[in-house]
């Protein structure tokens, strides 16, 4: 297997749901062995609200442009923010948690999508990187990620319009997985899966 896909509606996590509660859908795509695509779609519950994205960590992250980096022991985690393109980033110390990387869009909006590519590697391993390219701008997102000698092509529409698609090839262009849809909904489980 080359990837694992999960889509979660986190709006229902609050029970009972209040009318002014935000709606949150999270899409996680693990591109094996060490890259994770995280997409959050947030709709604020009230007109005066705006969304922000947080990453909690024990260690203090460093920020360089659209990249945040965490180093702990022999490993490094990079987090590249692709959407929103313009956002204020800051690191705060939080009692009992450690540190929080806070990402606030410079253009507040009641509905916003956040798109991040996280990549874990051994500290100093310059050969293990994830290169992400988002093009063209707009919906659906068309994301290409090169990592672990593979090229992953993802099509990510808004969560309410579809699950999206994936295609995987080796860097020498040999196809590993033809373009296919991500699973959508709850699939039946039986002897074969």
C-alpha atoms as a PDB file:
ATOM      1  CA  UNK A   1       0.000   0.000   0.000  1.00  0.00           C
ATOM      2  CA  UNK A   2       1.218   3.459  -0.918  1.00  0.00           C
ATOM      3  CA  UNK A   3      -1.190   5.643   1.070  1.00  0.00           C
ATOM      4  CA  UNK A   4      -3.859   5.764   3.752  1.00  0.00           C
ATOM      5  CA  UNK A   5      -6.825   8.132   3.470  1.00  0.00           C
ATOM      6  CA  UNK A   6      -9.211   9.340   6.171  1.00  0.00           C
ATOM      7  CA  UNK A   7     -11.887  12.018   6.156  1.00  0.00           C
ATOM      8  CA  UNK A   8     -13.409  13.166   9.420  1.00  0.00           C
ATOM      9  CA  UNK A   9     -16.341  15.408  10.197  1.00  0.00           C
ATOM     10  CA  UNK A  10     -15.262  16.886  13.522  1.00  0.00           C
ATOM     11  CA  UNK A  11     -18.338  19.103  13.795  1.00  0.00           C
ATOM     12  CA  UNK A  12     -20.254  16.280  15.425  1.00  0.00           C
ATOM     13  CA  UNK A  13     -17.603  15.905  18.157  1.00  0.00           C
ATOM     14  CA  UNK A  14     -19.365  18.550  20.229  1.00  0.00           C
ATOM     15  CA  UNK A  15     -22.521  17.155  21.764  1.00  0.00           C
ATOM     16  CA  UNK A  16     -25.012  18.712  21.812  1.00  0.00           C
ATOM     17  CA  UNK A  17     -23.992  20.871  18.867  1.00  0.00           C
ATOM     18  CA  UNK A  18     -24.649  24.589  19.402  1.00  0.00           C
ATOM     19  CA  UNK A  19     -25.962  26.729  16.514  1.00  0.00           C
ATOM     20  CA  UNK A  20     -22.878  29.020  16.605  1.00  0.00           C
ATOM     21  CA  UNK A  21     -20.358  26.134  16.734  1.00  0.00           C
ATOM     22  CA  UNK A  22     -17.881  26.007  13.860  1.00  0.00           C
ATOM     23  CA  UNK A  23     -18.060  23.219  11.279  1.00  0.00           C
ATOM     24  CA  UNK A  24     -14.795  21.350  10.749  1.00  0.00           C
ATOM     25  CA  UNK A  25     -13.912  18.691   8.211  1.00  0.00           C
ATOM     26  CA  UNK A  26     -10.405  17.195   8.260  1.00  0.00           C
ATOM     27  CA  UNK A  27      -8.839  15.141   5.497  1.00  0.00           C
ATOM     28  CA  UNK A  28      -5.678  13.150   6.309  1.00  0.00           C
ATOM     29  CA  UNK A  29      -3.643  11.456   3.594  1.00  0.00           C
ATOM     30  CA  UNK A  30      -0.598   9.479   4.711  1.00  0.00           C
ATOM     31  CA  UNK A  31       1.789   9.132   1.772  1.00  0.00           C
ATOM     32  CA  UNK A  32       3.969   6.253   2.881  1.00  0.00           C
ATOM     33  CA  UNK A  33       6.440   6.114   4.445  1.00  0.00           C
ATOM     34  CA  UNK A  34       6.773   9.579   6.025  1.00  0.00           C
ATOM     35  CA  UNK A  35       4.627  12.321   4.472  1.00  0.00           C
ATOM     36  CA  UNK A  36       1.233  13.496   5.665  1.00  0.00           C
ATOM     37  CA  UNK A  37      -1.169  15.823   3.837  1.00  0.00           C
ATOM     38  CA  UNK A  38      -3.559  17.580   6.222  1.00  0.00           C
ATOM     39  CA  UNK A  39      -6.486  19.576   4.898  1.00  0.00           C
ATOM     40  CA  UNK A  40      -8.893  21.330   7.241  1.00  0.00           C
ATOM     41  CA  UNK A  41     -12.049  23.014   6.025  1.00  0.00           C
ATOM     42  CA  UNK A  42     -13.543  25.334   8.637  1.00  0.00           C
ATOM     43  CA  UNK A  43     -16.782  27.275   8.557  1.00  0.00           C
ATOM     44  CA  UNK A  44     -17.140  29.655  11.475  1.00  0.00           C
ATOM     45  CA  UNK A  45     -20.396  29.394  13.391  1.00  0.00           C
ATOM     46  CA  UNK A  46     -21.053  33.143  13.562  1.00  0.00           C
ATOM     47  CA  UNK A  47     -20.413  35.981  11.086  1.00  0.00           C
ATOM     48  CA  UNK A  48     -17.901  37.753  13.342  1.00  0.00           C
ATOM     49  CA  UNK A  49     -15.823  34.582  13.830  1.00  0.00           C
ATOM     50  CA  UNK A  50     -12.726  33.628  11.897  1.00  0.00           C
ATOM     51  CA  UNK A  51     -10.717  30.414  11.848  1.00  0.00           C
ATOM     52  CA  UNK A  52      -7.129  29.723  12.860  1.00  0.00           C
ATOM     53  CA  UNK A  53      -4.978  26.596  12.619  1.00  0.00           C
ATOM     54  CA  UNK A  54      -2.889  25.264  15.518  1.00  0.00           C
ATOM     55  CA  UNK A  55      -0.091  22.700  15.741  1.00  0.00           C
ATOM     56  CA  UNK A  56       0.813  21.614  19.279  1.00  0.00           C
ATOM     57  CA  UNK A  57       4.306  20.329  20.062  1.00  0.00           C
ATOM     58  CA  UNK A  58       6.587  19.644  22.979  1.00  0.00           C
ATOM     59  CA  UNK A  59       9.516  21.342  21.246  1.00  0.00           C
ATOM     60  CA  UNK A  60       9.575  24.926  20.008  1.00  0.00           C
ATOM     61  CA  UNK A  61       9.115  25.095  16.221  1.00  0.00           C
ATOM     62  CA  UNK A  62      11.167  27.421  14.057  1.00  0.00           C
ATOM     63  CA  UNK A  63       9.467  29.343  11.253  1.00  0.00           C
ATOM     64  CA  UNK A  64      10.930  30.237   7.860  1.00  0.00           C
ATOM     65  CA  UNK A  65       8.446  31.594   5.324  1.00  0.00           C
ATOM     66  CA  UNK A  66       5.686  29.051   4.806  1.00  0.00           C
ATOM     67  CA  UNK A  67       7.706  26.309   6.562  1.00  0.00           C
ATOM     68  CA  UNK A  68       7.726  25.397  10.247  1.00  0.00           C
ATOM     69  CA  UNK A  69      10.264  22.910  11.528  1.00  0.00           C
ATOM     70  CA  UNK A  70      10.377  20.847  14.733  1.00  0.00           C
ATOM     71  CA  UNK A  71      13.464  18.975  15.858  1.00  0.00           C
ATOM     72  CA  UNK A  72      13.386  16.374  18.601  1.00  0.00           C
ATOM     73  CA  UNK A  73      16.179  13.922  19.330  1.00  0.00           C
ATOM     74  CA  UNK A  74      17.293  12.503  15.940  1.00  0.00           C
ATOM     75  CA  UNK A  75      14.198  13.486  13.958  1.00  0.00           C
ATOM     76  CA  UNK A  76      12.851  16.549  12.215  1.00  0.00           C
ATOM     77  CA  UNK A  77       9.276  17.326  11.199  1.00  0.00           C
ATOM     78  CA  UNK A  78       8.632  20.010   8.600  1.00  0.00           C
ATOM     79  CA  UNK A  79       5.211  21.527   8.057  1.00  0.00           C
ATOM     80  CA  UNK A  80       4.694  23.407   4.796  1.00  0.00           C
ATOM     81  CA  UNK A  81       1.579  25.572   4.644  1.00  0.00           C
ATOM     82  CA  UNK A  82       0.258  25.813   1.082  1.00  0.00           C
ATOM     83  CA  UNK A  83      -3.156  27.368   1.828  1.00  0.00           C
ATOM     84  CA  UNK A  84      -3.775  30.053   2.953  1.00  0.00           C
ATOM     85  CA  UNK A  85      -0.924  31.665   1.055  1.00  0.00           C
ATOM     86  CA  UNK A  86      -0.910  34.740   3.272  1.00  0.00           C
ATOM     87  CA  UNK A  87      -1.104  34.074   6.985  1.00  0.00           C
ATOM     88  CA  UNK A  88       0.436  35.358  10.176  1.00  0.00           C
ATOM     89  CA  UNK A  89       2.487  32.678  11.923  1.00  0.00           C
ATOM     90  CA  UNK A  90       3.619  32.774  15.509  1.00  0.00           C
ATOM     91  CA  UNK A  91       4.796  30.380  18.184  1.00  0.00           C
ATOM     92  CA  UNK A  92       3.354  30.624  21.679  1.00  0.00           C
ATOM     93  CA  UNK A  93       4.363  28.815  24.831  1.00  0.00           C
ATOM     94  CA  UNK A  94       1.363  27.061  26.369  1.00  0.00           C
ATOM     95  CA  UNK A  95       1.233  25.812  29.929  1.00  0.00           C
ATOM     96  CA  UNK A  96       1.113  22.012  30.131  1.00  0.00           C
ATOM     97  CA  UNK A  97       1.335  21.511  26.348  1.00  0.00           C
ATOM     98  CA  UNK A  98       4.686  22.953  25.367  1.00  0.00           C
ATOM     99  CA  UNK A  99       4.412  25.119  22.276  1.00  0.00           C
ATOM    100  CA  UNK A 100       1.703  26.030  19.807  1.00  0.00           C
ATOM    101  CA  UNK A 101       2.280  27.106  16.227  1.00  0.00           C
ATOM    102  CA  UNK A 102      -0.612  29.447  15.408  1.00  0.00           C
ATOM    103  CA  UNK A 103      -1.582  30.221  11.817  1.00  0.00           C
ATOM    104  CA  UNK A 104      -4.074  33.052  11.286  1.00  0.00           C
ATOM    105  CA  UNK A 105      -5.193  33.984   7.756  1.00  0.00           C
ATOM    106  CA  UNK A 106      -4.409  37.622   6.922  1.00  0.00           C
ATOM    107  CA  UNK A 107      -7.748  37.844   5.125  1.00  0.00           C
ATOM    108  CA  UNK A 108     -10.289  36.621   7.680  1.00  0.00           C
ATOM    109  CA  UNK A 109     -13.140  34.643   6.229  1.00  0.00           C
ATOM    110  CA  UNK A 110     -16.082  32.774   7.656  1.00  0.00           C
ATOM    111  CA  UNK A 111     -15.181  29.754   5.484  1.00  0.00           C
ATOM    112  CA  UNK A 112     -11.560  28.784   4.925  1.00  0.00           C
ATOM    113  CA  UNK A 113      -9.463  25.797   3.891  1.00  0.00           C
ATOM    114  CA  UNK A 114      -6.033  25.066   5.346  1.00  0.00           C
ATOM    115  CA  UNK A 115      -3.675  22.775   3.398  1.00  0.00           C
ATOM    116  CA  UNK A 116      -0.406  21.499   4.880  1.00  0.00           C
ATOM    117  CA  UNK A 117       2.225  18.935   3.897  1.00  0.00           C
ATOM    118  CA  UNK A 118       4.120  17.435   6.838  1.00  0.00           C
ATOM    119  CA  UNK A 119       7.248  15.350   6.341  1.00  0.00           C
ATOM    120  CA  UNK A 120       9.268  13.447   8.949  1.00  0.00           C
ATOM    121  CA  UNK A 121      12.910  12.545   8.427  1.00  0.00           C
ATOM    122  CA  UNK A 122      16.094  11.800  10.274  1.00  0.00           C
ATOM    123  CA  UNK A 123      17.772  15.004  11.354  1.00  0.00           C
ATOM    124  CA  UNK A 124      20.202  16.210   8.695  1.00  0.00           C
ATOM    125  CA  UNK A 125      18.997  13.729   6.036  1.00  0.00           C
ATOM    126  CA  UNK A 126      18.966  16.127   3.075  1.00  0.00           C
ATOM    127  CA  UNK A 127      18.033  13.272   0.713  1.00  0.00           C
ATOM    128  CA  UNK A 128      14.662  12.811   2.393  1.00  0.00           C
ATOM    129  CA  UNK A 129      12.512  15.788   1.521  1.00  0.00           C
ATOM    130  CA  UNK A 130       8.959  16.317   0.350  1.00  0.00           C
ATOM    131  CA  UNK A 131       8.492  18.808  -2.472  1.00  0.00           C
ATOM    132  CA  UNK A 132       4.925  20.066  -2.785  1.00  0.00           C
ATOM    133  CA  UNK A 133       3.468  22.072  -5.667  1.00  0.00           C
ATOM    134  CA  UNK A 134      -0.080  23.400  -5.676  1.00  0.00           C
ATOM    135  CA  UNK A 135      -1.453  24.438  -9.063  1.00  0.00           C
ATOM    136  CA  UNK A 136      -3.526  25.977 -10.412  1.00  0.00           C
ATOM    137  CA  UNK A 137      -5.034  28.008  -7.626  1.00  0.00           C
ATOM    138  CA  UNK A 138      -8.720  27.518  -6.854  1.00  0.00           C
ATOM    139  CA  UNK A 139     -11.068  24.568  -6.409  1.00  0.00           C
ATOM    140  CA  UNK A 140     -10.394  21.753  -6.572  1.00  0.00           C
ATOM    141  CA  UNK A 141      -6.862  21.881  -5.167  1.00  0.00           C
ATOM    142  CA  UNK A 142      -4.398  20.087  -7.458  1.00  0.00           C
ATOM    143  CA  UNK A 143      -1.447  19.037  -5.346  1.00  0.00           C
ATOM    144  CA  UNK A 144       1.693  17.226  -6.514  1.00  0.00           C
ATOM    145  CA  UNK A 145       4.006  15.848  -3.823  1.00  0.00           C
ATOM    146  CA  UNK A 146       7.389  14.296  -4.593  1.00  0.00           C
ATOM    147  CA  UNK A 147       8.662  12.178  -1.714  1.00  0.00           C
ATOM    148  CA  UNK A 148      10.432   8.833  -1.235  1.00  0.00           C
ATOM    149  CA  UNK A 149      11.179   8.475  -4.981  1.00  0.00           C
ATOM    150  CA  UNK A 150       7.474   8.727  -5.776  1.00  0.00           C
ATOM    151  CA  UNK A 151       5.242  11.373  -7.285  1.00  0.00           C
ATOM    152  CA  UNK A 152       1.765  11.663  -5.777  1.00  0.00           C
ATOM    153  CA  UNK A 153      -0.857  13.659  -7.690  1.00  0.00           C
ATOM    154  CA  UNK A 154      -3.860  14.605  -5.589  1.00  0.00           C
ATOM    155  CA  UNK A 155      -7.094  16.328  -6.560  1.00  0.00           C
ATOM    156  CA  UNK A 156      -8.836  17.705  -3.472  1.00  0.00           C
ATOM    157  CA  UNK A 157     -12.263  19.303  -3.983  1.00  0.00           C
ATOM    158  CA  UNK A 158     -14.103  20.914  -1.071  1.00  0.00           C
ATOM    159  CA  UNK A 159     -15.153  18.146   1.323  1.00  0.00           C
ATOM    160  CA  UNK A 160     -18.870  18.621   0.668  1.00  0.00           C
ATOM    161  CA  UNK A 161     -18.435  17.994  -3.079  1.00  0.00           C
ATOM    162  CA  UNK A 162     -16.303  14.837  -3.070  1.00  0.00           C
ATOM    163  CA  UNK A 163     -13.500  12.802  -1.559  1.00  0.00           C
ATOM    164  CA  UNK A 164     -10.913  13.552  -4.245  1.00  0.00           C
ATOM    165  CA  UNK A 165      -8.535  11.498  -6.355  1.00  0.00           C
ATOM    166  CA  UNK A 166      -4.993  10.147  -6.259  1.00  0.00           C
ATOM    167  CA  UNK A 167      -2.424   8.909  -8.783  1.00  0.00           C
ATOM    168  CA  UNK A 168       1.028   7.577  -7.885  1.00  0.00           C
ATOM    169  CA  UNK A 169       4.096   7.058 -10.046  1.00  0.00           C
ATOM    170  CA  UNK A 170       7.776   6.483  -9.448  1.00  0.00           C
ATOM    171  CA  UNK A 171      10.096   9.388 -10.150  1.00  0.00           C
ATOM    172  CA  UNK A 172      11.152   7.589 -13.375  1.00  0.00           C
ATOM    173  CA  UNK A 173       7.471   7.980 -14.499  1.00  0.00           C
ATOM    174  CA  UNK A 174       6.548   4.288 -14.096  1.00  0.00           C
ATOM    175  CA  UNK A 175       2.915   4.200 -12.939  1.00  0.00           C
ATOM    176  CA  UNK A 176       2.370   2.564  -9.528  1.00  0.00           C
ATOM    177  CA  UNK A 177      -1.310   3.422  -9.079  1.00  0.00           C
ATOM    178  CA  UNK A 178      -3.603   4.653 -11.830  1.00  0.00           C
ATOM    179  CA  UNK A 179      -5.743   7.668 -11.032  1.00  0.00           C
ATOM    180  CA  UNK A 180      -8.581   6.622  -8.720  1.00  0.00           C
ATOM    181  CA  UNK A 181     -11.072   8.117  -6.304  1.00  0.00           C
ATOM    182  CA  UNK A 182     -10.452   8.193  -2.588  1.00  0.00           C
ATOM    183  CA  UNK A 183     -13.003   6.153  -0.642  1.00  0.00           C
ATOM    184  CA  UNK A 184     -16.109   8.052   0.372  1.00  0.00           C
ATOM    185  CA  UNK A 185     -18.482   7.171   3.188  1.00  0.00           C
ATOM    186  CA  UNK A 186     -18.489   4.040   5.292  1.00  0.00           C
ATOM    187  CA  UNK A 187     -17.473   1.007   3.293  1.00  0.00           C
ATOM    188  CA  UNK A 188     -18.900  -2.451   4.021  1.00  0.00           C
ATOM    189  CA  UNK A 189     -16.619  -4.777   5.913  1.00  0.00           C
ATOM    190  CA  UNK A 190     -16.581  -8.502   5.420  1.00  0.00           C
ATOM    191  CA  UNK A 191     -14.111 -11.344   4.969  1.00  0.00           C
ATOM    192  CA  UNK A 192     -12.213  -9.445   2.274  1.00  0.00           C
ATOM    193  CA  UNK A 193     -11.896  -6.147   4.129  1.00  0.00           C
END
